[in-house]
Amino acid sequence: MELRKIEDRGGEVFVRKYYDGVHFPPNVPGNVKDHLETLRNLKHKEGDILLNSFPKTGTHWTYDVLHMLLTGKAEYSIGKIMAMDYEPTEKFDALDSPRILVSHLYPKHIPKSVIDEKCKIVYIYRNPKDTAVSMHSFIKRLNIDGFKGYNGKWEHFLEMFATKQLQYNTWFEHVKSWLDYKEDNPDFPIMFVSYEDMKKNLRRCVQKMAEYLGAKQDPEFLDEVAKKCQFSAMSKAKTTDETETAFSRDGSNPFYRKGEVGDWKNWFTVAQNEIYDEVIEEKMAGIDLELKYTL
């Protein structure tokens, strides 16, 4: 593992732990190699579900949808949503079934038991422009070692977002790794869910996820799940969640911001958008995924 300090054009510094071709955020415990090796040996529990994503694409939002479907109760999850990337493996060993194993990992780094047992995977994705905006705002609000004090300008951050220097490298590389895994393993149960589809018609997405998981599909229950999990309702309910506001510099919940599709238009200049469209066209080569930038 190599500890890297990466400086943007404005002189603001990111700290990254680099291992096995991936830039990991600094809050991955200890030596990344040791943590991933321990994680690879995570023991399977009946009903395990893997929720995977590139950061800032709707992970926390989707988690509560899955939580309600798996418990059969339209009630929000309580306590910190733990990601395998950032927590000791024993914390996940202590969880009761059914577990929702959250991560931003590449396929090569997920627990061996997930592969061997063919656990169902839900991969949530979001268009890269809104993802970039959300990540920039998120990082500037974080009160975590390695992020603390970052005040980089949007234009400098955007330059970094298209490179392999931010956490988990690039949106494009991460999404492609999971699409490639699905193509190479067509019988493996992976459901790709669009953030934009959830915003447009959450009830329909809840229905599809319930069917995929084999969960309770009573219409009234699914109606209630969709109602409780509307982004505006969830954001309001989670605003004062101390397990999440603890990560923020200002006491707000950094995991919920606007939740809008198309907010990128308020950030990208015409020139930036033209340049980034060229980046997207180049990077999307070989990525068979429909992206929505507006609704």
C-alpha atoms as a PDB file:
ATOM      1  CA  MET A   1       0.000   0.000   0.000  1.00  0.00           C
ATOM      2  CA  GLU A   2       1.175   3.498  -0.841  1.00  0.00           C
ATOM      3  CA  LEU A   3      -0.039   6.651   0.918  1.00  0.00           C
ATOM      4  CA  ARG A   4      -0.446   9.374  -1.683  1.00  0.00           C
ATOM      5  CA  LYS A   5      -1.027  13.090  -1.279  1.00  0.00           C
ATOM      6  CA  ILE A   6      -2.675  14.344  -4.439  1.00  0.00           C
ATOM      7  CA  GLU A   7      -2.816  18.063  -5.100  1.00  0.00           C
ATOM      8  CA  ASP A   8      -5.378  19.729  -7.334  1.00  0.00           C
ATOM      9  CA  ARG A   9      -4.533  22.713  -9.553  1.00  0.00           C
ATOM     10  CA  GLY A  10      -5.486  25.125  -6.767  1.00  0.00           C
ATOM     11  CA  GLY A  11      -3.124  23.525  -4.252  1.00  0.00           C
ATOM     12  CA  GLU A  12      -5.797  21.680  -2.234  1.00  0.00           C
ATOM     13  CA  VAL A  13      -4.665  18.219  -1.131  1.00  0.00           C
ATOM     14  CA  PHE A  14      -6.417  14.849  -1.113  1.00  0.00           C
ATOM     15  CA  VAL A  15      -4.969  11.929   0.851  1.00  0.00           C
ATOM     16  CA  ARG A  16      -5.406   8.510  -0.742  1.00  0.00           C
ATOM     17  CA  LYS A  17      -4.353   4.956   0.072  1.00  0.00           C
ATOM     18  CA  TYR A  18      -3.261   3.345  -3.179  1.00  0.00           C
ATOM     19  CA  TYR A  19      -3.373  -0.430  -3.490  1.00  0.00           C
ATOM     20  CA  ASP A  20      -3.911  -2.961  -6.273  1.00  0.00           C
ATOM     21  CA  GLY A  21      -4.561  -0.281  -8.879  1.00  0.00           C
ATOM     22  CA  VAL A  22      -7.200   1.559  -6.851  1.00  0.00           C
ATOM     23  CA  HIS A  23      -7.130   4.850  -4.933  1.00  0.00           C
ATOM     24  CA  PHE A  24      -8.945   4.165  -1.668  1.00  0.00           C
ATOM     25  CA  PRO A  25     -10.104   6.937   0.682  1.00  0.00           C
ATOM     26  CA  PRO A  26      -8.045   7.479   3.840  1.00  0.00           C
ATOM     27  CA  ASN A  27     -10.714   6.091   6.182  1.00  0.00           C
ATOM     28  CA  VAL A  28     -10.169   2.520   5.012  1.00  0.00           C
ATOM     29  CA  PRO A  29      -8.790   0.895   8.196  1.00  0.00           C
ATOM     30  CA  GLY A  30      -5.040   0.489   8.529  1.00  0.00           C
ATOM     31  CA  ASN A  31      -3.228  -1.185   5.687  1.00  0.00           C
ATOM     32  CA  VAL A  32      -5.667  -1.577   2.774  1.00  0.00           C
ATOM     33  CA  LYS A  33      -4.129  -4.908   1.743  1.00  0.00           C
ATOM     34  CA  ASP A  34      -4.694  -6.430   5.190  1.00  0.00           C
ATOM     35  CA  HIS A  35      -8.229  -5.066   5.431  1.00  0.00           C
ATOM     36  CA  LEU A  36      -9.242  -6.429   2.034  1.00  0.00           C
ATOM     37  CA  GLU A  37      -7.725  -9.835   2.759  1.00  0.00           C
ATOM     38  CA  THR A  38      -9.722 -10.054   5.981  1.00  0.00           C
ATOM     39  CA  LEU A  39     -12.817  -8.872   4.182  1.00  0.00           C
ATOM     40  CA  ARG A  40     -12.380 -11.492   1.472  1.00  0.00           C
ATOM     41  CA  ASN A  41     -12.859 -14.130   4.163  1.00  0.00           C
ATOM     42  CA  LEU A  42     -16.103 -12.680   5.548  1.00  0.00           C
ATOM     43  CA  LYS A  43     -18.366 -15.591   6.487  1.00  0.00           C
ATOM     44  CA  HIS A  44     -21.632 -15.987   4.626  1.00  0.00           C
ATOM     45  CA  LYS A  45     -25.003 -15.599   6.334  1.00  0.00           C
ATOM     46  CA  GLU A  46     -28.286 -16.702   4.826  1.00  0.00           C
ATOM     47  CA  GLY A  47     -30.009 -13.883   2.969  1.00  0.00           C
ATOM     48  CA  ASP A  48     -26.920 -11.688   2.452  1.00  0.00           C
ATOM     49  CA  ILE A  49     -27.425  -8.882  -0.065  1.00  0.00           C
ATOM     50  CA  LEU A  50     -24.611  -6.747  -1.492  1.00  0.00           C
ATOM     51  CA  LEU A  51     -25.421  -3.096  -2.205  1.00  0.00           C
ATOM     52  CA  ASN A  52     -22.608  -1.717  -4.336  1.00  0.00           C
ATOM     53  CA  SER A  53     -22.011   1.631  -5.985  1.00  0.00           C
ATOM     54  CA  PHE A  54     -19.563   4.331  -6.905  1.00  0.00           C
ATOM     55  CA  PRO A  55     -19.691   6.980  -4.149  1.00  0.00           C
ATOM     56  CA  LYS A  56     -22.454   9.630  -4.228  1.00  0.00           C
ATOM     57  CA  THR A  57     -24.831   7.751  -6.492  1.00  0.00           C
ATOM     58  CA  GLY A  58     -27.634   7.015  -4.010  1.00  0.00           C
ATOM     59  CA  THR A  59     -26.236   4.370  -1.671  1.00  0.00           C
ATOM     60  CA  HIS A  60     -27.869   5.572   1.554  1.00  0.00           C
ATOM     61  CA  TRP A  61     -31.174   6.169  -0.184  1.00  0.00           C
ATOM     62  CA  THR A  62     -31.227   2.691  -1.725  1.00  0.00           C
ATOM     63  CA  TYR A  63     -30.138   1.122   1.559  1.00  0.00           C
ATOM     64  CA  ASP A  64     -33.323   2.190   3.301  1.00  0.00           C
ATOM     65  CA  VAL A  65     -35.471   0.900   0.430  1.00  0.00           C
ATOM     66  CA  LEU A  66     -33.768  -2.497   0.707  1.00  0.00           C
ATOM     67  CA  HIS A  67     -33.977  -2.396   4.515  1.00  0.00           C
ATOM     68  CA  MET A  68     -37.742  -1.927   4.412  1.00  0.00           C
ATOM     69  CA  LEU A  69     -38.227  -4.629   1.795  1.00  0.00           C
ATOM     70  CA  LEU A  70     -36.116  -7.167   3.677  1.00  0.00           C
ATOM     71  CA  THR A  71     -37.669  -6.484   7.090  1.00  0.00           C
ATOM     72  CA  GLY A  72     -41.201  -6.201   5.730  1.00  0.00           C
ATOM     73  CA  LYS A  73     -41.692  -2.978   7.683  1.00  0.00           C
ATOM     74  CA  ALA A  74     -41.912   0.556   6.269  1.00  0.00           C
ATOM     75  CA  GLU A  75     -39.568   1.902   8.928  1.00  0.00           C
ATOM     76  CA  TYR A  76     -36.263   3.685   8.441  1.00  0.00           C
ATOM     77  CA  SER A  77     -33.040   1.977   9.420  1.00  0.00           C
ATOM     78  CA  ILE A  78     -31.635   3.024  12.763  1.00  0.00           C
ATOM     79  CA  GLY A  79     -28.000   3.814  13.399  1.00  0.00           C
ATOM     80  CA  LYS A  80     -24.983   4.173  11.193  1.00  0.00           C
ATOM     81  CA  ILE A  81     -25.061   2.594   7.748  1.00  0.00           C
ATOM     82  CA  MET A  82     -21.782   0.690   7.712  1.00  0.00           C
ATOM     83  CA  ALA A  83     -19.788   0.160   4.544  1.00  0.00           C
ATOM     84  CA  MET A  84     -17.441  -2.831   4.417  1.00  0.00           C
ATOM     85  CA  ASP A  85     -14.721  -0.599   3.014  1.00  0.00           C
ATOM     86  CA  TYR A  86     -14.457   1.426   6.217  1.00  0.00           C
ATOM     87  CA  GLU A  87     -15.321  -0.895   9.102  1.00  0.00           C
ATOM     88  CA  PRO A  88     -13.582  -3.872  10.767  1.00  0.00           C
ATOM     89  CA  THR A  89     -14.898  -7.156   9.405  1.00  0.00           C
ATOM     90  CA  GLU A  90     -16.001  -8.358  12.844  1.00  0.00           C
ATOM     91  CA  LYS A  91     -18.708  -5.683  12.895  1.00  0.00           C
ATOM     92  CA  PHE A  92     -20.375  -7.409   9.961  1.00  0.00           C
ATOM     93  CA  ASP A  93     -19.954 -10.829  11.549  1.00  0.00           C
ATOM     94  CA  ALA A  94     -22.049  -9.502  14.440  1.00  0.00           C
ATOM     95  CA  LEU A  95     -24.968  -8.377  12.256  1.00  0.00           C
ATOM     96  CA  ASP A  96     -28.138 -10.442  12.189  1.00  0.00           C
ATOM     97  CA  SER A  97     -29.548 -11.838   8.958  1.00  0.00           C
ATOM     98  CA  PRO A  98     -30.578 -10.691   6.481  1.00  0.00           C
ATOM     99  CA  ARG A  99     -27.555  -8.432   6.120  1.00  0.00           C
ATOM    100  CA  ILE A 100     -27.205  -5.618   3.602  1.00  0.00           C
ATOM    101  CA  LEU A 101     -23.490  -5.516   2.882  1.00  0.00           C
ATOM    102  CA  VAL A 102     -22.671  -2.032   1.607  1.00  0.00           C
ATOM    103  CA  SER A 103     -19.546  -1.246  -0.375  1.00  0.00           C
ATOM    104  CA  HIS A 104     -17.934   0.844  -3.098  1.00  0.00           C
ATOM    105  CA  LEU A 105     -15.493  -1.940  -3.926  1.00  0.00           C
ATOM    106  CA  TYR A 106     -14.530  -3.347  -7.293  1.00  0.00           C
ATOM    107  CA  PRO A 107     -15.592  -6.943  -8.051  1.00  0.00           C
ATOM    108  CA  LYS A 108     -12.057  -8.212  -7.427  1.00  0.00           C
ATOM    109  CA  HIS A 109     -12.194  -7.006  -3.808  1.00  0.00           C
ATOM    110  CA  ILE A 110     -15.611  -8.139  -2.576  1.00  0.00           C
ATOM    111  CA  PRO A 111     -15.912 -11.023  -0.073  1.00  0.00           C
ATOM    112  CA  LYS A 112     -15.326 -14.470  -1.529  1.00  0.00           C
ATOM    113  CA  SER A 113     -18.537 -15.695   0.123  1.00  0.00           C
ATOM    114  CA  VAL A 114     -20.598 -13.261  -1.977  1.00  0.00           C
ATOM    115  CA  ILE A 115     -19.222 -14.913  -5.119  1.00  0.00           C
ATOM    116  CA  ASP A 116     -19.322 -18.498  -3.875  1.00  0.00           C
ATOM    117  CA  GLU A 117     -22.884 -18.243  -2.560  1.00  0.00           C
ATOM    118  CA  LYS A 118     -24.113 -16.139  -5.499  1.00  0.00           C
ATOM    119  CA  CYS A 119     -25.556 -13.519  -3.173  1.00  0.00           C
ATOM    120  CA  LYS A 120     -27.894 -11.071  -4.852  1.00  0.00           C
ATOM    121  CA  ILE A 121     -26.238  -7.792  -5.734  1.00  0.00           C
ATOM    122  CA  VAL A 122     -27.902  -4.421  -6.255  1.00  0.00           C
ATOM    123  CA  TYR A 123     -25.714  -1.919  -8.105  1.00  0.00           C
ATOM    124  CA  ILE A 124     -26.985   1.663  -7.971  1.00  0.00           C
ATOM    125  CA  TYR A 125     -25.649   4.138 -10.523  1.00  0.00           C
ATOM    126  CA  ARG A 126     -26.182   7.812 -11.368  1.00  0.00           C
ATOM    127  CA  ASN A 127     -25.159  10.003 -14.282  1.00  0.00           C
ATOM    128  CA  PRO A 128     -21.523  11.126 -13.898  1.00  0.00           C
ATOM    129  CA  LYS A 129     -22.253  14.872 -14.059  1.00  0.00           C
ATOM    130  CA  ASP A 130     -24.598  14.900 -11.060  1.00  0.00           C
ATOM    131  CA  THR A 131     -22.270  12.424  -9.321  1.00  0.00           C
ATOM    132  CA  ALA A 132     -19.348  14.845  -9.701  1.00  0.00           C
ATOM    133  CA  VAL A 133     -21.376  17.744  -8.273  1.00  0.00           C
ATOM    134  CA  SER A 134     -22.600  15.647  -5.356  1.00  0.00           C
ATOM    135  CA  MET A 135     -19.122  14.341  -4.539  1.00  0.00           C
ATOM    136  CA  HIS A 136     -17.581  17.816  -4.583  1.00  0.00           C
ATOM    137  CA  SER A 137     -20.199  19.146  -2.150  1.00  0.00           C
ATOM    138  CA  PHE A 138     -19.919  16.025   0.012  1.00  0.00           C
ATOM    139  CA  ILE A 139     -16.151  16.139   0.385  1.00  0.00           C
ATOM    140  CA  LYS A 140     -16.219  19.826   1.291  1.00  0.00           C
ATOM    141  CA  ARG A 141     -18.636  19.054   4.149  1.00  0.00           C
ATOM    142  CA  LEU A 142     -16.751  16.081   5.582  1.00  0.00           C
ATOM    143  CA  ASN A 143     -15.093  16.122   8.977  1.00  0.00           C
ATOM    144  CA  ILE A 144     -12.967  13.013   8.465  1.00  0.00           C
ATOM    145  CA  ASP A 145      -9.178  12.720   8.488  1.00  0.00           C
ATOM    146  CA  GLY A 146      -7.892  12.966   4.938  1.00  0.00           C
ATOM    147  CA  PHE A 147     -10.852  15.111   3.847  1.00  0.00           C
ATOM    148  CA  LYS A 148     -10.892  17.617   6.688  1.00  0.00           C
ATOM    149  CA  GLY A 149     -10.200  21.129   5.520  1.00  0.00           C
ATOM    150  CA  TYR A 150     -10.594  20.474   1.795  1.00  0.00           C
ATOM    151  CA  ASN A 151     -11.962  23.605   0.128  1.00  0.00           C
ATOM    152  CA  GLY A 152     -11.124  22.969  -3.503  1.00  0.00           C
ATOM    153  CA  LYS A 153     -12.851  24.970  -6.201  1.00  0.00           C
ATOM    154  CA  TRP A 154     -15.374  23.232  -8.444  1.00  0.00           C
ATOM    155  CA  GLU A 155     -13.324  23.693 -11.621  1.00  0.00           C
ATOM    156  CA  HIS A 156     -10.258  22.120 -10.017  1.00  0.00           C
ATOM    157  CA  PHE A 157     -12.258  19.235  -8.573  1.00  0.00           C
ATOM    158  CA  LEU A 158     -13.883  18.474 -11.925  1.00  0.00           C
ATOM    159  CA  GLU A 159     -10.451  18.077 -13.507  1.00  0.00           C
ATOM    160  CA  MET A 160      -9.610  15.488 -10.862  1.00  0.00           C
ATOM    161  CA  PHE A 161     -12.944  13.660 -11.160  1.00  0.00           C
ATOM    162  CA  ALA A 162     -12.184  12.463 -14.678  1.00  0.00           C
ATOM    163  CA  THR A 163      -8.787  11.058 -13.644  1.00  0.00           C
ATOM    164  CA  LYS A 164      -7.859   8.047 -11.522  1.00  0.00           C
ATOM    165  CA  GLN A 165      -6.787  10.203  -8.589  1.00  0.00           C
ATOM    166  CA  LEU A 166     -10.017  10.425  -6.587  1.00  0.00           C
ATOM    167  CA  GLN A 167     -11.408   7.660  -4.410  1.00  0.00           C
ATOM    168  CA  TYR A 168     -12.146   4.448  -6.332  1.00  0.00           C
ATOM    169  CA  ASN A 169     -10.504   5.945  -9.425  1.00  0.00           C
ATOM    170  CA  THR A 170     -13.182   7.079 -11.874  1.00  0.00           C
ATOM    171  CA  TRP A 171     -16.949   6.667 -12.196  1.00  0.00           C
ATOM    172  CA  PHE A 172     -16.357   5.151 -15.639  1.00  0.00           C
ATOM    173  CA  GLU A 173     -13.865   2.539 -14.487  1.00  0.00           C
ATOM    174  CA  HIS A 174     -16.028   1.504 -11.544  1.00  0.00           C
ATOM    175  CA  VAL A 175     -19.253   1.114 -13.526  1.00  0.00           C
ATOM    176  CA  LYS A 176     -17.476  -0.731 -16.335  1.00  0.00           C
ATOM    177  CA  SER A 177     -15.893  -3.185 -13.892  1.00  0.00           C
ATOM    178  CA  TRP A 178     -19.331  -4.276 -12.684  1.00  0.00           C
ATOM    179  CA  LEU A 179     -20.870  -4.399 -16.147  1.00  0.00           C
ATOM    180  CA  ASP A 180     -17.916  -6.498 -17.308  1.00  0.00           C
ATOM    181  CA  TYR A 181     -18.347  -8.792 -14.326  1.00  0.00           C
ATOM    182  CA  LYS A 182     -22.006  -9.299 -15.205  1.00  0.00           C
ATOM    183  CA  GLU A 183     -21.138  -9.974 -18.848  1.00  0.00           C
ATOM    184  CA  ASP A 184     -18.469 -12.499 -17.851  1.00  0.00           C
ATOM    185  CA  ASN A 185     -20.820 -14.102 -15.302  1.00  0.00           C
ATOM    186  CA  PRO A 186     -24.301 -13.922 -16.917  1.00  0.00           C
ATOM    187  CA  ASP A 187     -25.841 -16.285 -14.360  1.00  0.00           C
ATOM    188  CA  PHE A 188     -24.761 -14.154 -11.393  1.00  0.00           C
ATOM    189  CA  PRO A 189     -27.680 -12.233  -9.853  1.00  0.00           C
ATOM    190  CA  ILE A 190     -26.884  -8.524 -10.297  1.00  0.00           C
ATOM    191  CA  MET A 191     -29.589  -5.868 -10.574  1.00  0.00           C
ATOM    192  CA  PHE A 192     -28.536  -2.484 -11.963  1.00  0.00           C
ATOM    193  CA  VAL A 193     -30.721   0.350 -10.626  1.00  0.00           C
ATOM    194  CA  SER A 194     -30.667   3.906 -11.979  1.00  0.00           C
ATOM    195  CA  TYR A 195     -30.800   6.811  -9.530  1.00  0.00           C
ATOM    196  CA  GLU A 196     -32.715   8.765 -12.142  1.00  0.00           C
ATOM    197  CA  ASP A 197     -35.309   5.990 -12.497  1.00  0.00           C
ATOM    198  CA  MET A 198     -35.785   6.044  -8.731  1.00  0.00           C
ATOM    199  CA  LYS A 199     -36.381   9.784  -8.859  1.00  0.00           C
ATOM    200  CA  LYS A 200     -38.797   9.492 -11.758  1.00  0.00           C
ATOM    201  CA  ASN A 201     -40.880   6.570 -10.501  1.00  0.00           C
ATOM    202  CA  LEU A 202     -39.786   5.226  -7.138  1.00  0.00           C
ATOM    203  CA  ARG A 203     -42.870   3.032  -6.762  1.00  0.00           C
ATOM    204  CA  ARG A 204     -42.002   1.121  -9.926  1.00  0.00           C
ATOM    205  CA  CYS A 205     -38.377   0.692  -8.794  1.00  0.00           C
ATOM    206  CA  VAL A 206     -39.523  -0.518  -5.356  1.00  0.00           C
ATOM    207  CA  GLN A 207     -41.725  -3.104  -7.091  1.00  0.00           C
ATOM    208  CA  LYS A 208     -38.845  -4.329  -9.243  1.00  0.00           C
ATOM    209  CA  MET A 209     -36.495  -4.576  -6.262  1.00  0.00           C
ATOM    210  CA  ALA A 210     -39.105  -6.464  -4.238  1.00  0.00           C
ATOM    211  CA  GLU A 211     -39.542  -8.944  -7.085  1.00  0.00           C
ATOM    212  CA  TYR A 212     -35.792  -9.350  -7.462  1.00  0.00           C
ATOM    213  CA  LEU A 213     -35.289  -9.964  -3.744  1.00  0.00           C
ATOM    214  CA  GLY A 214     -38.327 -12.215  -3.401  1.00  0.00           C
ATOM    215  CA  ALA A 215     -39.612  -9.829  -0.731  1.00  0.00           C
ATOM    216  CA  LYS A 216     -43.141  -9.027   0.420  1.00  0.00           C
ATOM    217  CA  GLN A 217     -45.094  -7.527  -2.488  1.00  0.00           C
ATOM    218  CA  ASP A 218     -48.371  -6.468  -0.932  1.00  0.00           C
ATOM    219  CA  PRO A 219     -49.356  -3.324  -2.916  1.00  0.00           C
ATOM    220  CA  GLU A 220     -50.236  -1.284   0.157  1.00  0.00           C
ATOM    221  CA  PHE A 221     -46.904  -2.128   1.769  1.00  0.00           C
ATOM    222  CA  LEU A 222     -44.955  -1.198  -1.377  1.00  0.00           C
ATOM    223  CA  ASP A 223     -46.948   2.039  -1.605  1.00  0.00           C
ATOM    224  CA  GLU A 224     -45.881   2.878   1.952  1.00  0.00           C
ATOM    225  CA  VAL A 225     -42.227   2.018   1.234  1.00  0.00           C
ATOM    226  CA  ALA A 226     -42.246   4.283  -1.814  1.00  0.00           C
ATOM    227  CA  LYS A 227     -43.879   7.074   0.188  1.00  0.00           C
ATOM    228  CA  LYS A 228     -41.424   6.825   3.084  1.00  0.00           C
ATOM    229  CA  CYS A 229     -38.447   6.575   0.717  1.00  0.00           C
ATOM    230  CA  GLN A 230     -39.166   9.575  -1.455  1.00  0.00           C
ATOM    231  CA  PHE A 231     -35.891  11.483  -1.331  1.00  0.00           C
ATOM    232  CA  SER A 232     -37.475  14.559   0.249  1.00  0.00           C
ATOM    233  CA  ALA A 233     -39.117  12.477   2.989  1.00  0.00           C
ATOM    234  CA  MET A 234     -35.937  10.536   3.741  1.00  0.00           C
ATOM    235  CA  SER A 235     -33.774  13.637   3.746  1.00  0.00           C
ATOM    236  CA  LYS A 236     -36.092  15.282   6.260  1.00  0.00           C
ATOM    237  CA  ALA A 237     -36.204  12.167   8.458  1.00  0.00           C
ATOM    238  CA  LYS A 238     -32.416  11.766   8.429  1.00  0.00           C
ATOM    239  CA  THR A 239     -31.495  15.444   8.891  1.00  0.00           C
ATOM    240  CA  THR A 240     -30.728  15.099  12.599  1.00  0.00           C
ATOM    241  CA  ASP A 241     -29.428  11.511  12.584  1.00  0.00           C
ATOM    242  CA  GLU A 242     -26.411  11.863  14.888  1.00  0.00           C
ATOM    243  CA  THR A 243     -24.754   8.739  13.468  1.00  0.00           C
ATOM    244  CA  GLU A 244     -24.473  10.610  10.160  1.00  0.00           C
ATOM    245  CA  THR A 245     -24.242  14.289  11.166  1.00  0.00           C
ATOM    246  CA  ALA A 246     -21.103  13.337  13.114  1.00  0.00           C
ATOM    247  CA  PHE A 247     -19.281  13.164   9.764  1.00  0.00           C
ATOM    248  CA  SER A 248     -20.093  16.785   8.907  1.00  0.00           C
ATOM    249  CA  ARG A 249     -18.177  19.989   9.606  1.00  0.00           C
ATOM    250  CA  ASP A 250     -21.361  21.996  10.115  1.00  0.00           C
ATOM    251  CA  GLY A 251     -23.607  19.494  11.912  1.00  0.00           C
ATOM    252  CA  SER A 252     -25.758  18.783   8.858  1.00  0.00           C
ATOM    253  CA  ASN A 253     -26.181  15.346   7.304  1.00  0.00           C
ATOM    254  CA  PRO A 254     -23.598  15.223   4.480  1.00  0.00           C
ATOM    255  CA  PHE A 255     -25.174  12.117   2.934  1.00  0.00           C
ATOM    256  CA  TYR A 256     -28.289  13.985   1.814  1.00  0.00           C
ATOM    257  CA  ARG A 257     -28.153  17.158  -0.262  1.00  0.00           C
ATOM    258  CA  LYS A 258     -30.612  18.142  -3.008  1.00  0.00           C
ATOM    259  CA  GLY A 259     -31.143  14.717  -4.533  1.00  0.00           C
ATOM    260  CA  GLU A 260     -32.040  16.322  -7.853  1.00  0.00           C
ATOM    261  CA  VAL A 261     -31.510  15.123 -11.385  1.00  0.00           C
ATOM    262  CA  GLY A 262     -29.934  17.824 -13.536  1.00  0.00           C
ATOM    263  CA  ASP A 263     -28.429  19.965 -10.770  1.00  0.00           C
ATOM    264  CA  TRP A 264     -25.187  19.724 -12.740  1.00  0.00           C
ATOM    265  CA  LYS A 265     -26.567  22.502 -14.970  1.00  0.00           C
ATOM    266  CA  ASN A 266     -26.107  24.884 -12.048  1.00  0.00           C
ATOM    267  CA  TRP A 267     -22.428  24.015 -11.792  1.00  0.00           C
ATOM    268  CA  PHE A 268     -21.009  23.231 -15.229  1.00  0.00           C
ATOM    269  CA  THR A 269     -20.107  26.197 -17.410  1.00  0.00           C
ATOM    270  CA  VAL A 270     -20.794  25.838 -21.120  1.00  0.00           C
ATOM    271  CA  ALA A 271     -17.090  25.245 -21.739  1.00  0.00           C
ATOM    272  CA  GLN A 272     -16.814  22.678 -18.934  1.00  0.00           C
ATOM    273  CA  ASN A 273     -19.858  20.840 -20.228  1.00  0.00           C
ATOM    274  CA  GLU A 274     -18.467  20.674 -23.758  1.00  0.00           C
ATOM    275  CA  ILE A 275     -15.142  19.341 -22.506  1.00  0.00           C
ATOM    276  CA  TYR A 276     -16.786  16.834 -20.185  1.00  0.00           C
ATOM    277  CA  ASP A 277     -19.129  15.620 -22.933  1.00  0.00           C
ATOM    278  CA  GLU A 278     -16.014  14.710 -24.903  1.00  0.00           C
ATOM    279  CA  VAL A 279     -14.630  12.892 -21.854  1.00  0.00           C
ATOM    280  CA  ILE A 280     -17.899  10.993 -21.432  1.00  0.00           C
ATOM    281  CA  GLU A 281     -18.003  10.015 -25.108  1.00  0.00           C
ATOM    282  CA  GLU A 282     -14.471   8.658 -24.888  1.00  0.00           C
ATOM    283  CA  LYS A 283     -14.821   6.937 -21.515  1.00  0.00           C
ATOM    284  CA  MET A 284     -18.243   5.432 -22.270  1.00  0.00           C
ATOM    285  CA  ALA A 285     -16.807   3.368 -25.118  1.00  0.00           C
ATOM    286  CA  GLY A 286     -17.658  -0.217 -24.235  1.00  0.00           C
ATOM    287  CA  ILE A 287     -20.081   0.786 -21.453  1.00  0.00           C
ATOM    288  CA  ASP A 288     -23.593  -0.321 -22.389  1.00  0.00           C
ATOM    289  CA  LEU A 289     -25.653   1.733 -19.971  1.00  0.00           C
ATOM    290  CA  GLU A 290     -28.408   4.244 -20.541  1.00  0.00           C
ATOM    291  CA  LEU A 291     -27.717   7.503 -18.727  1.00  0.00           C
ATOM    292  CA  LYS A 292     -30.245  10.220 -17.982  1.00  0.00           C
ATOM    293  CA  TYR A 293     -29.050  13.775 -17.330  1.00  0.00           C
ATOM    294  CA  THR A 294     -32.514  15.318 -16.963  1.00  0.00           C
ATOM    295  CA  LEU A 295     -36.026  14.060 -16.281  1.00  0.00           C
END
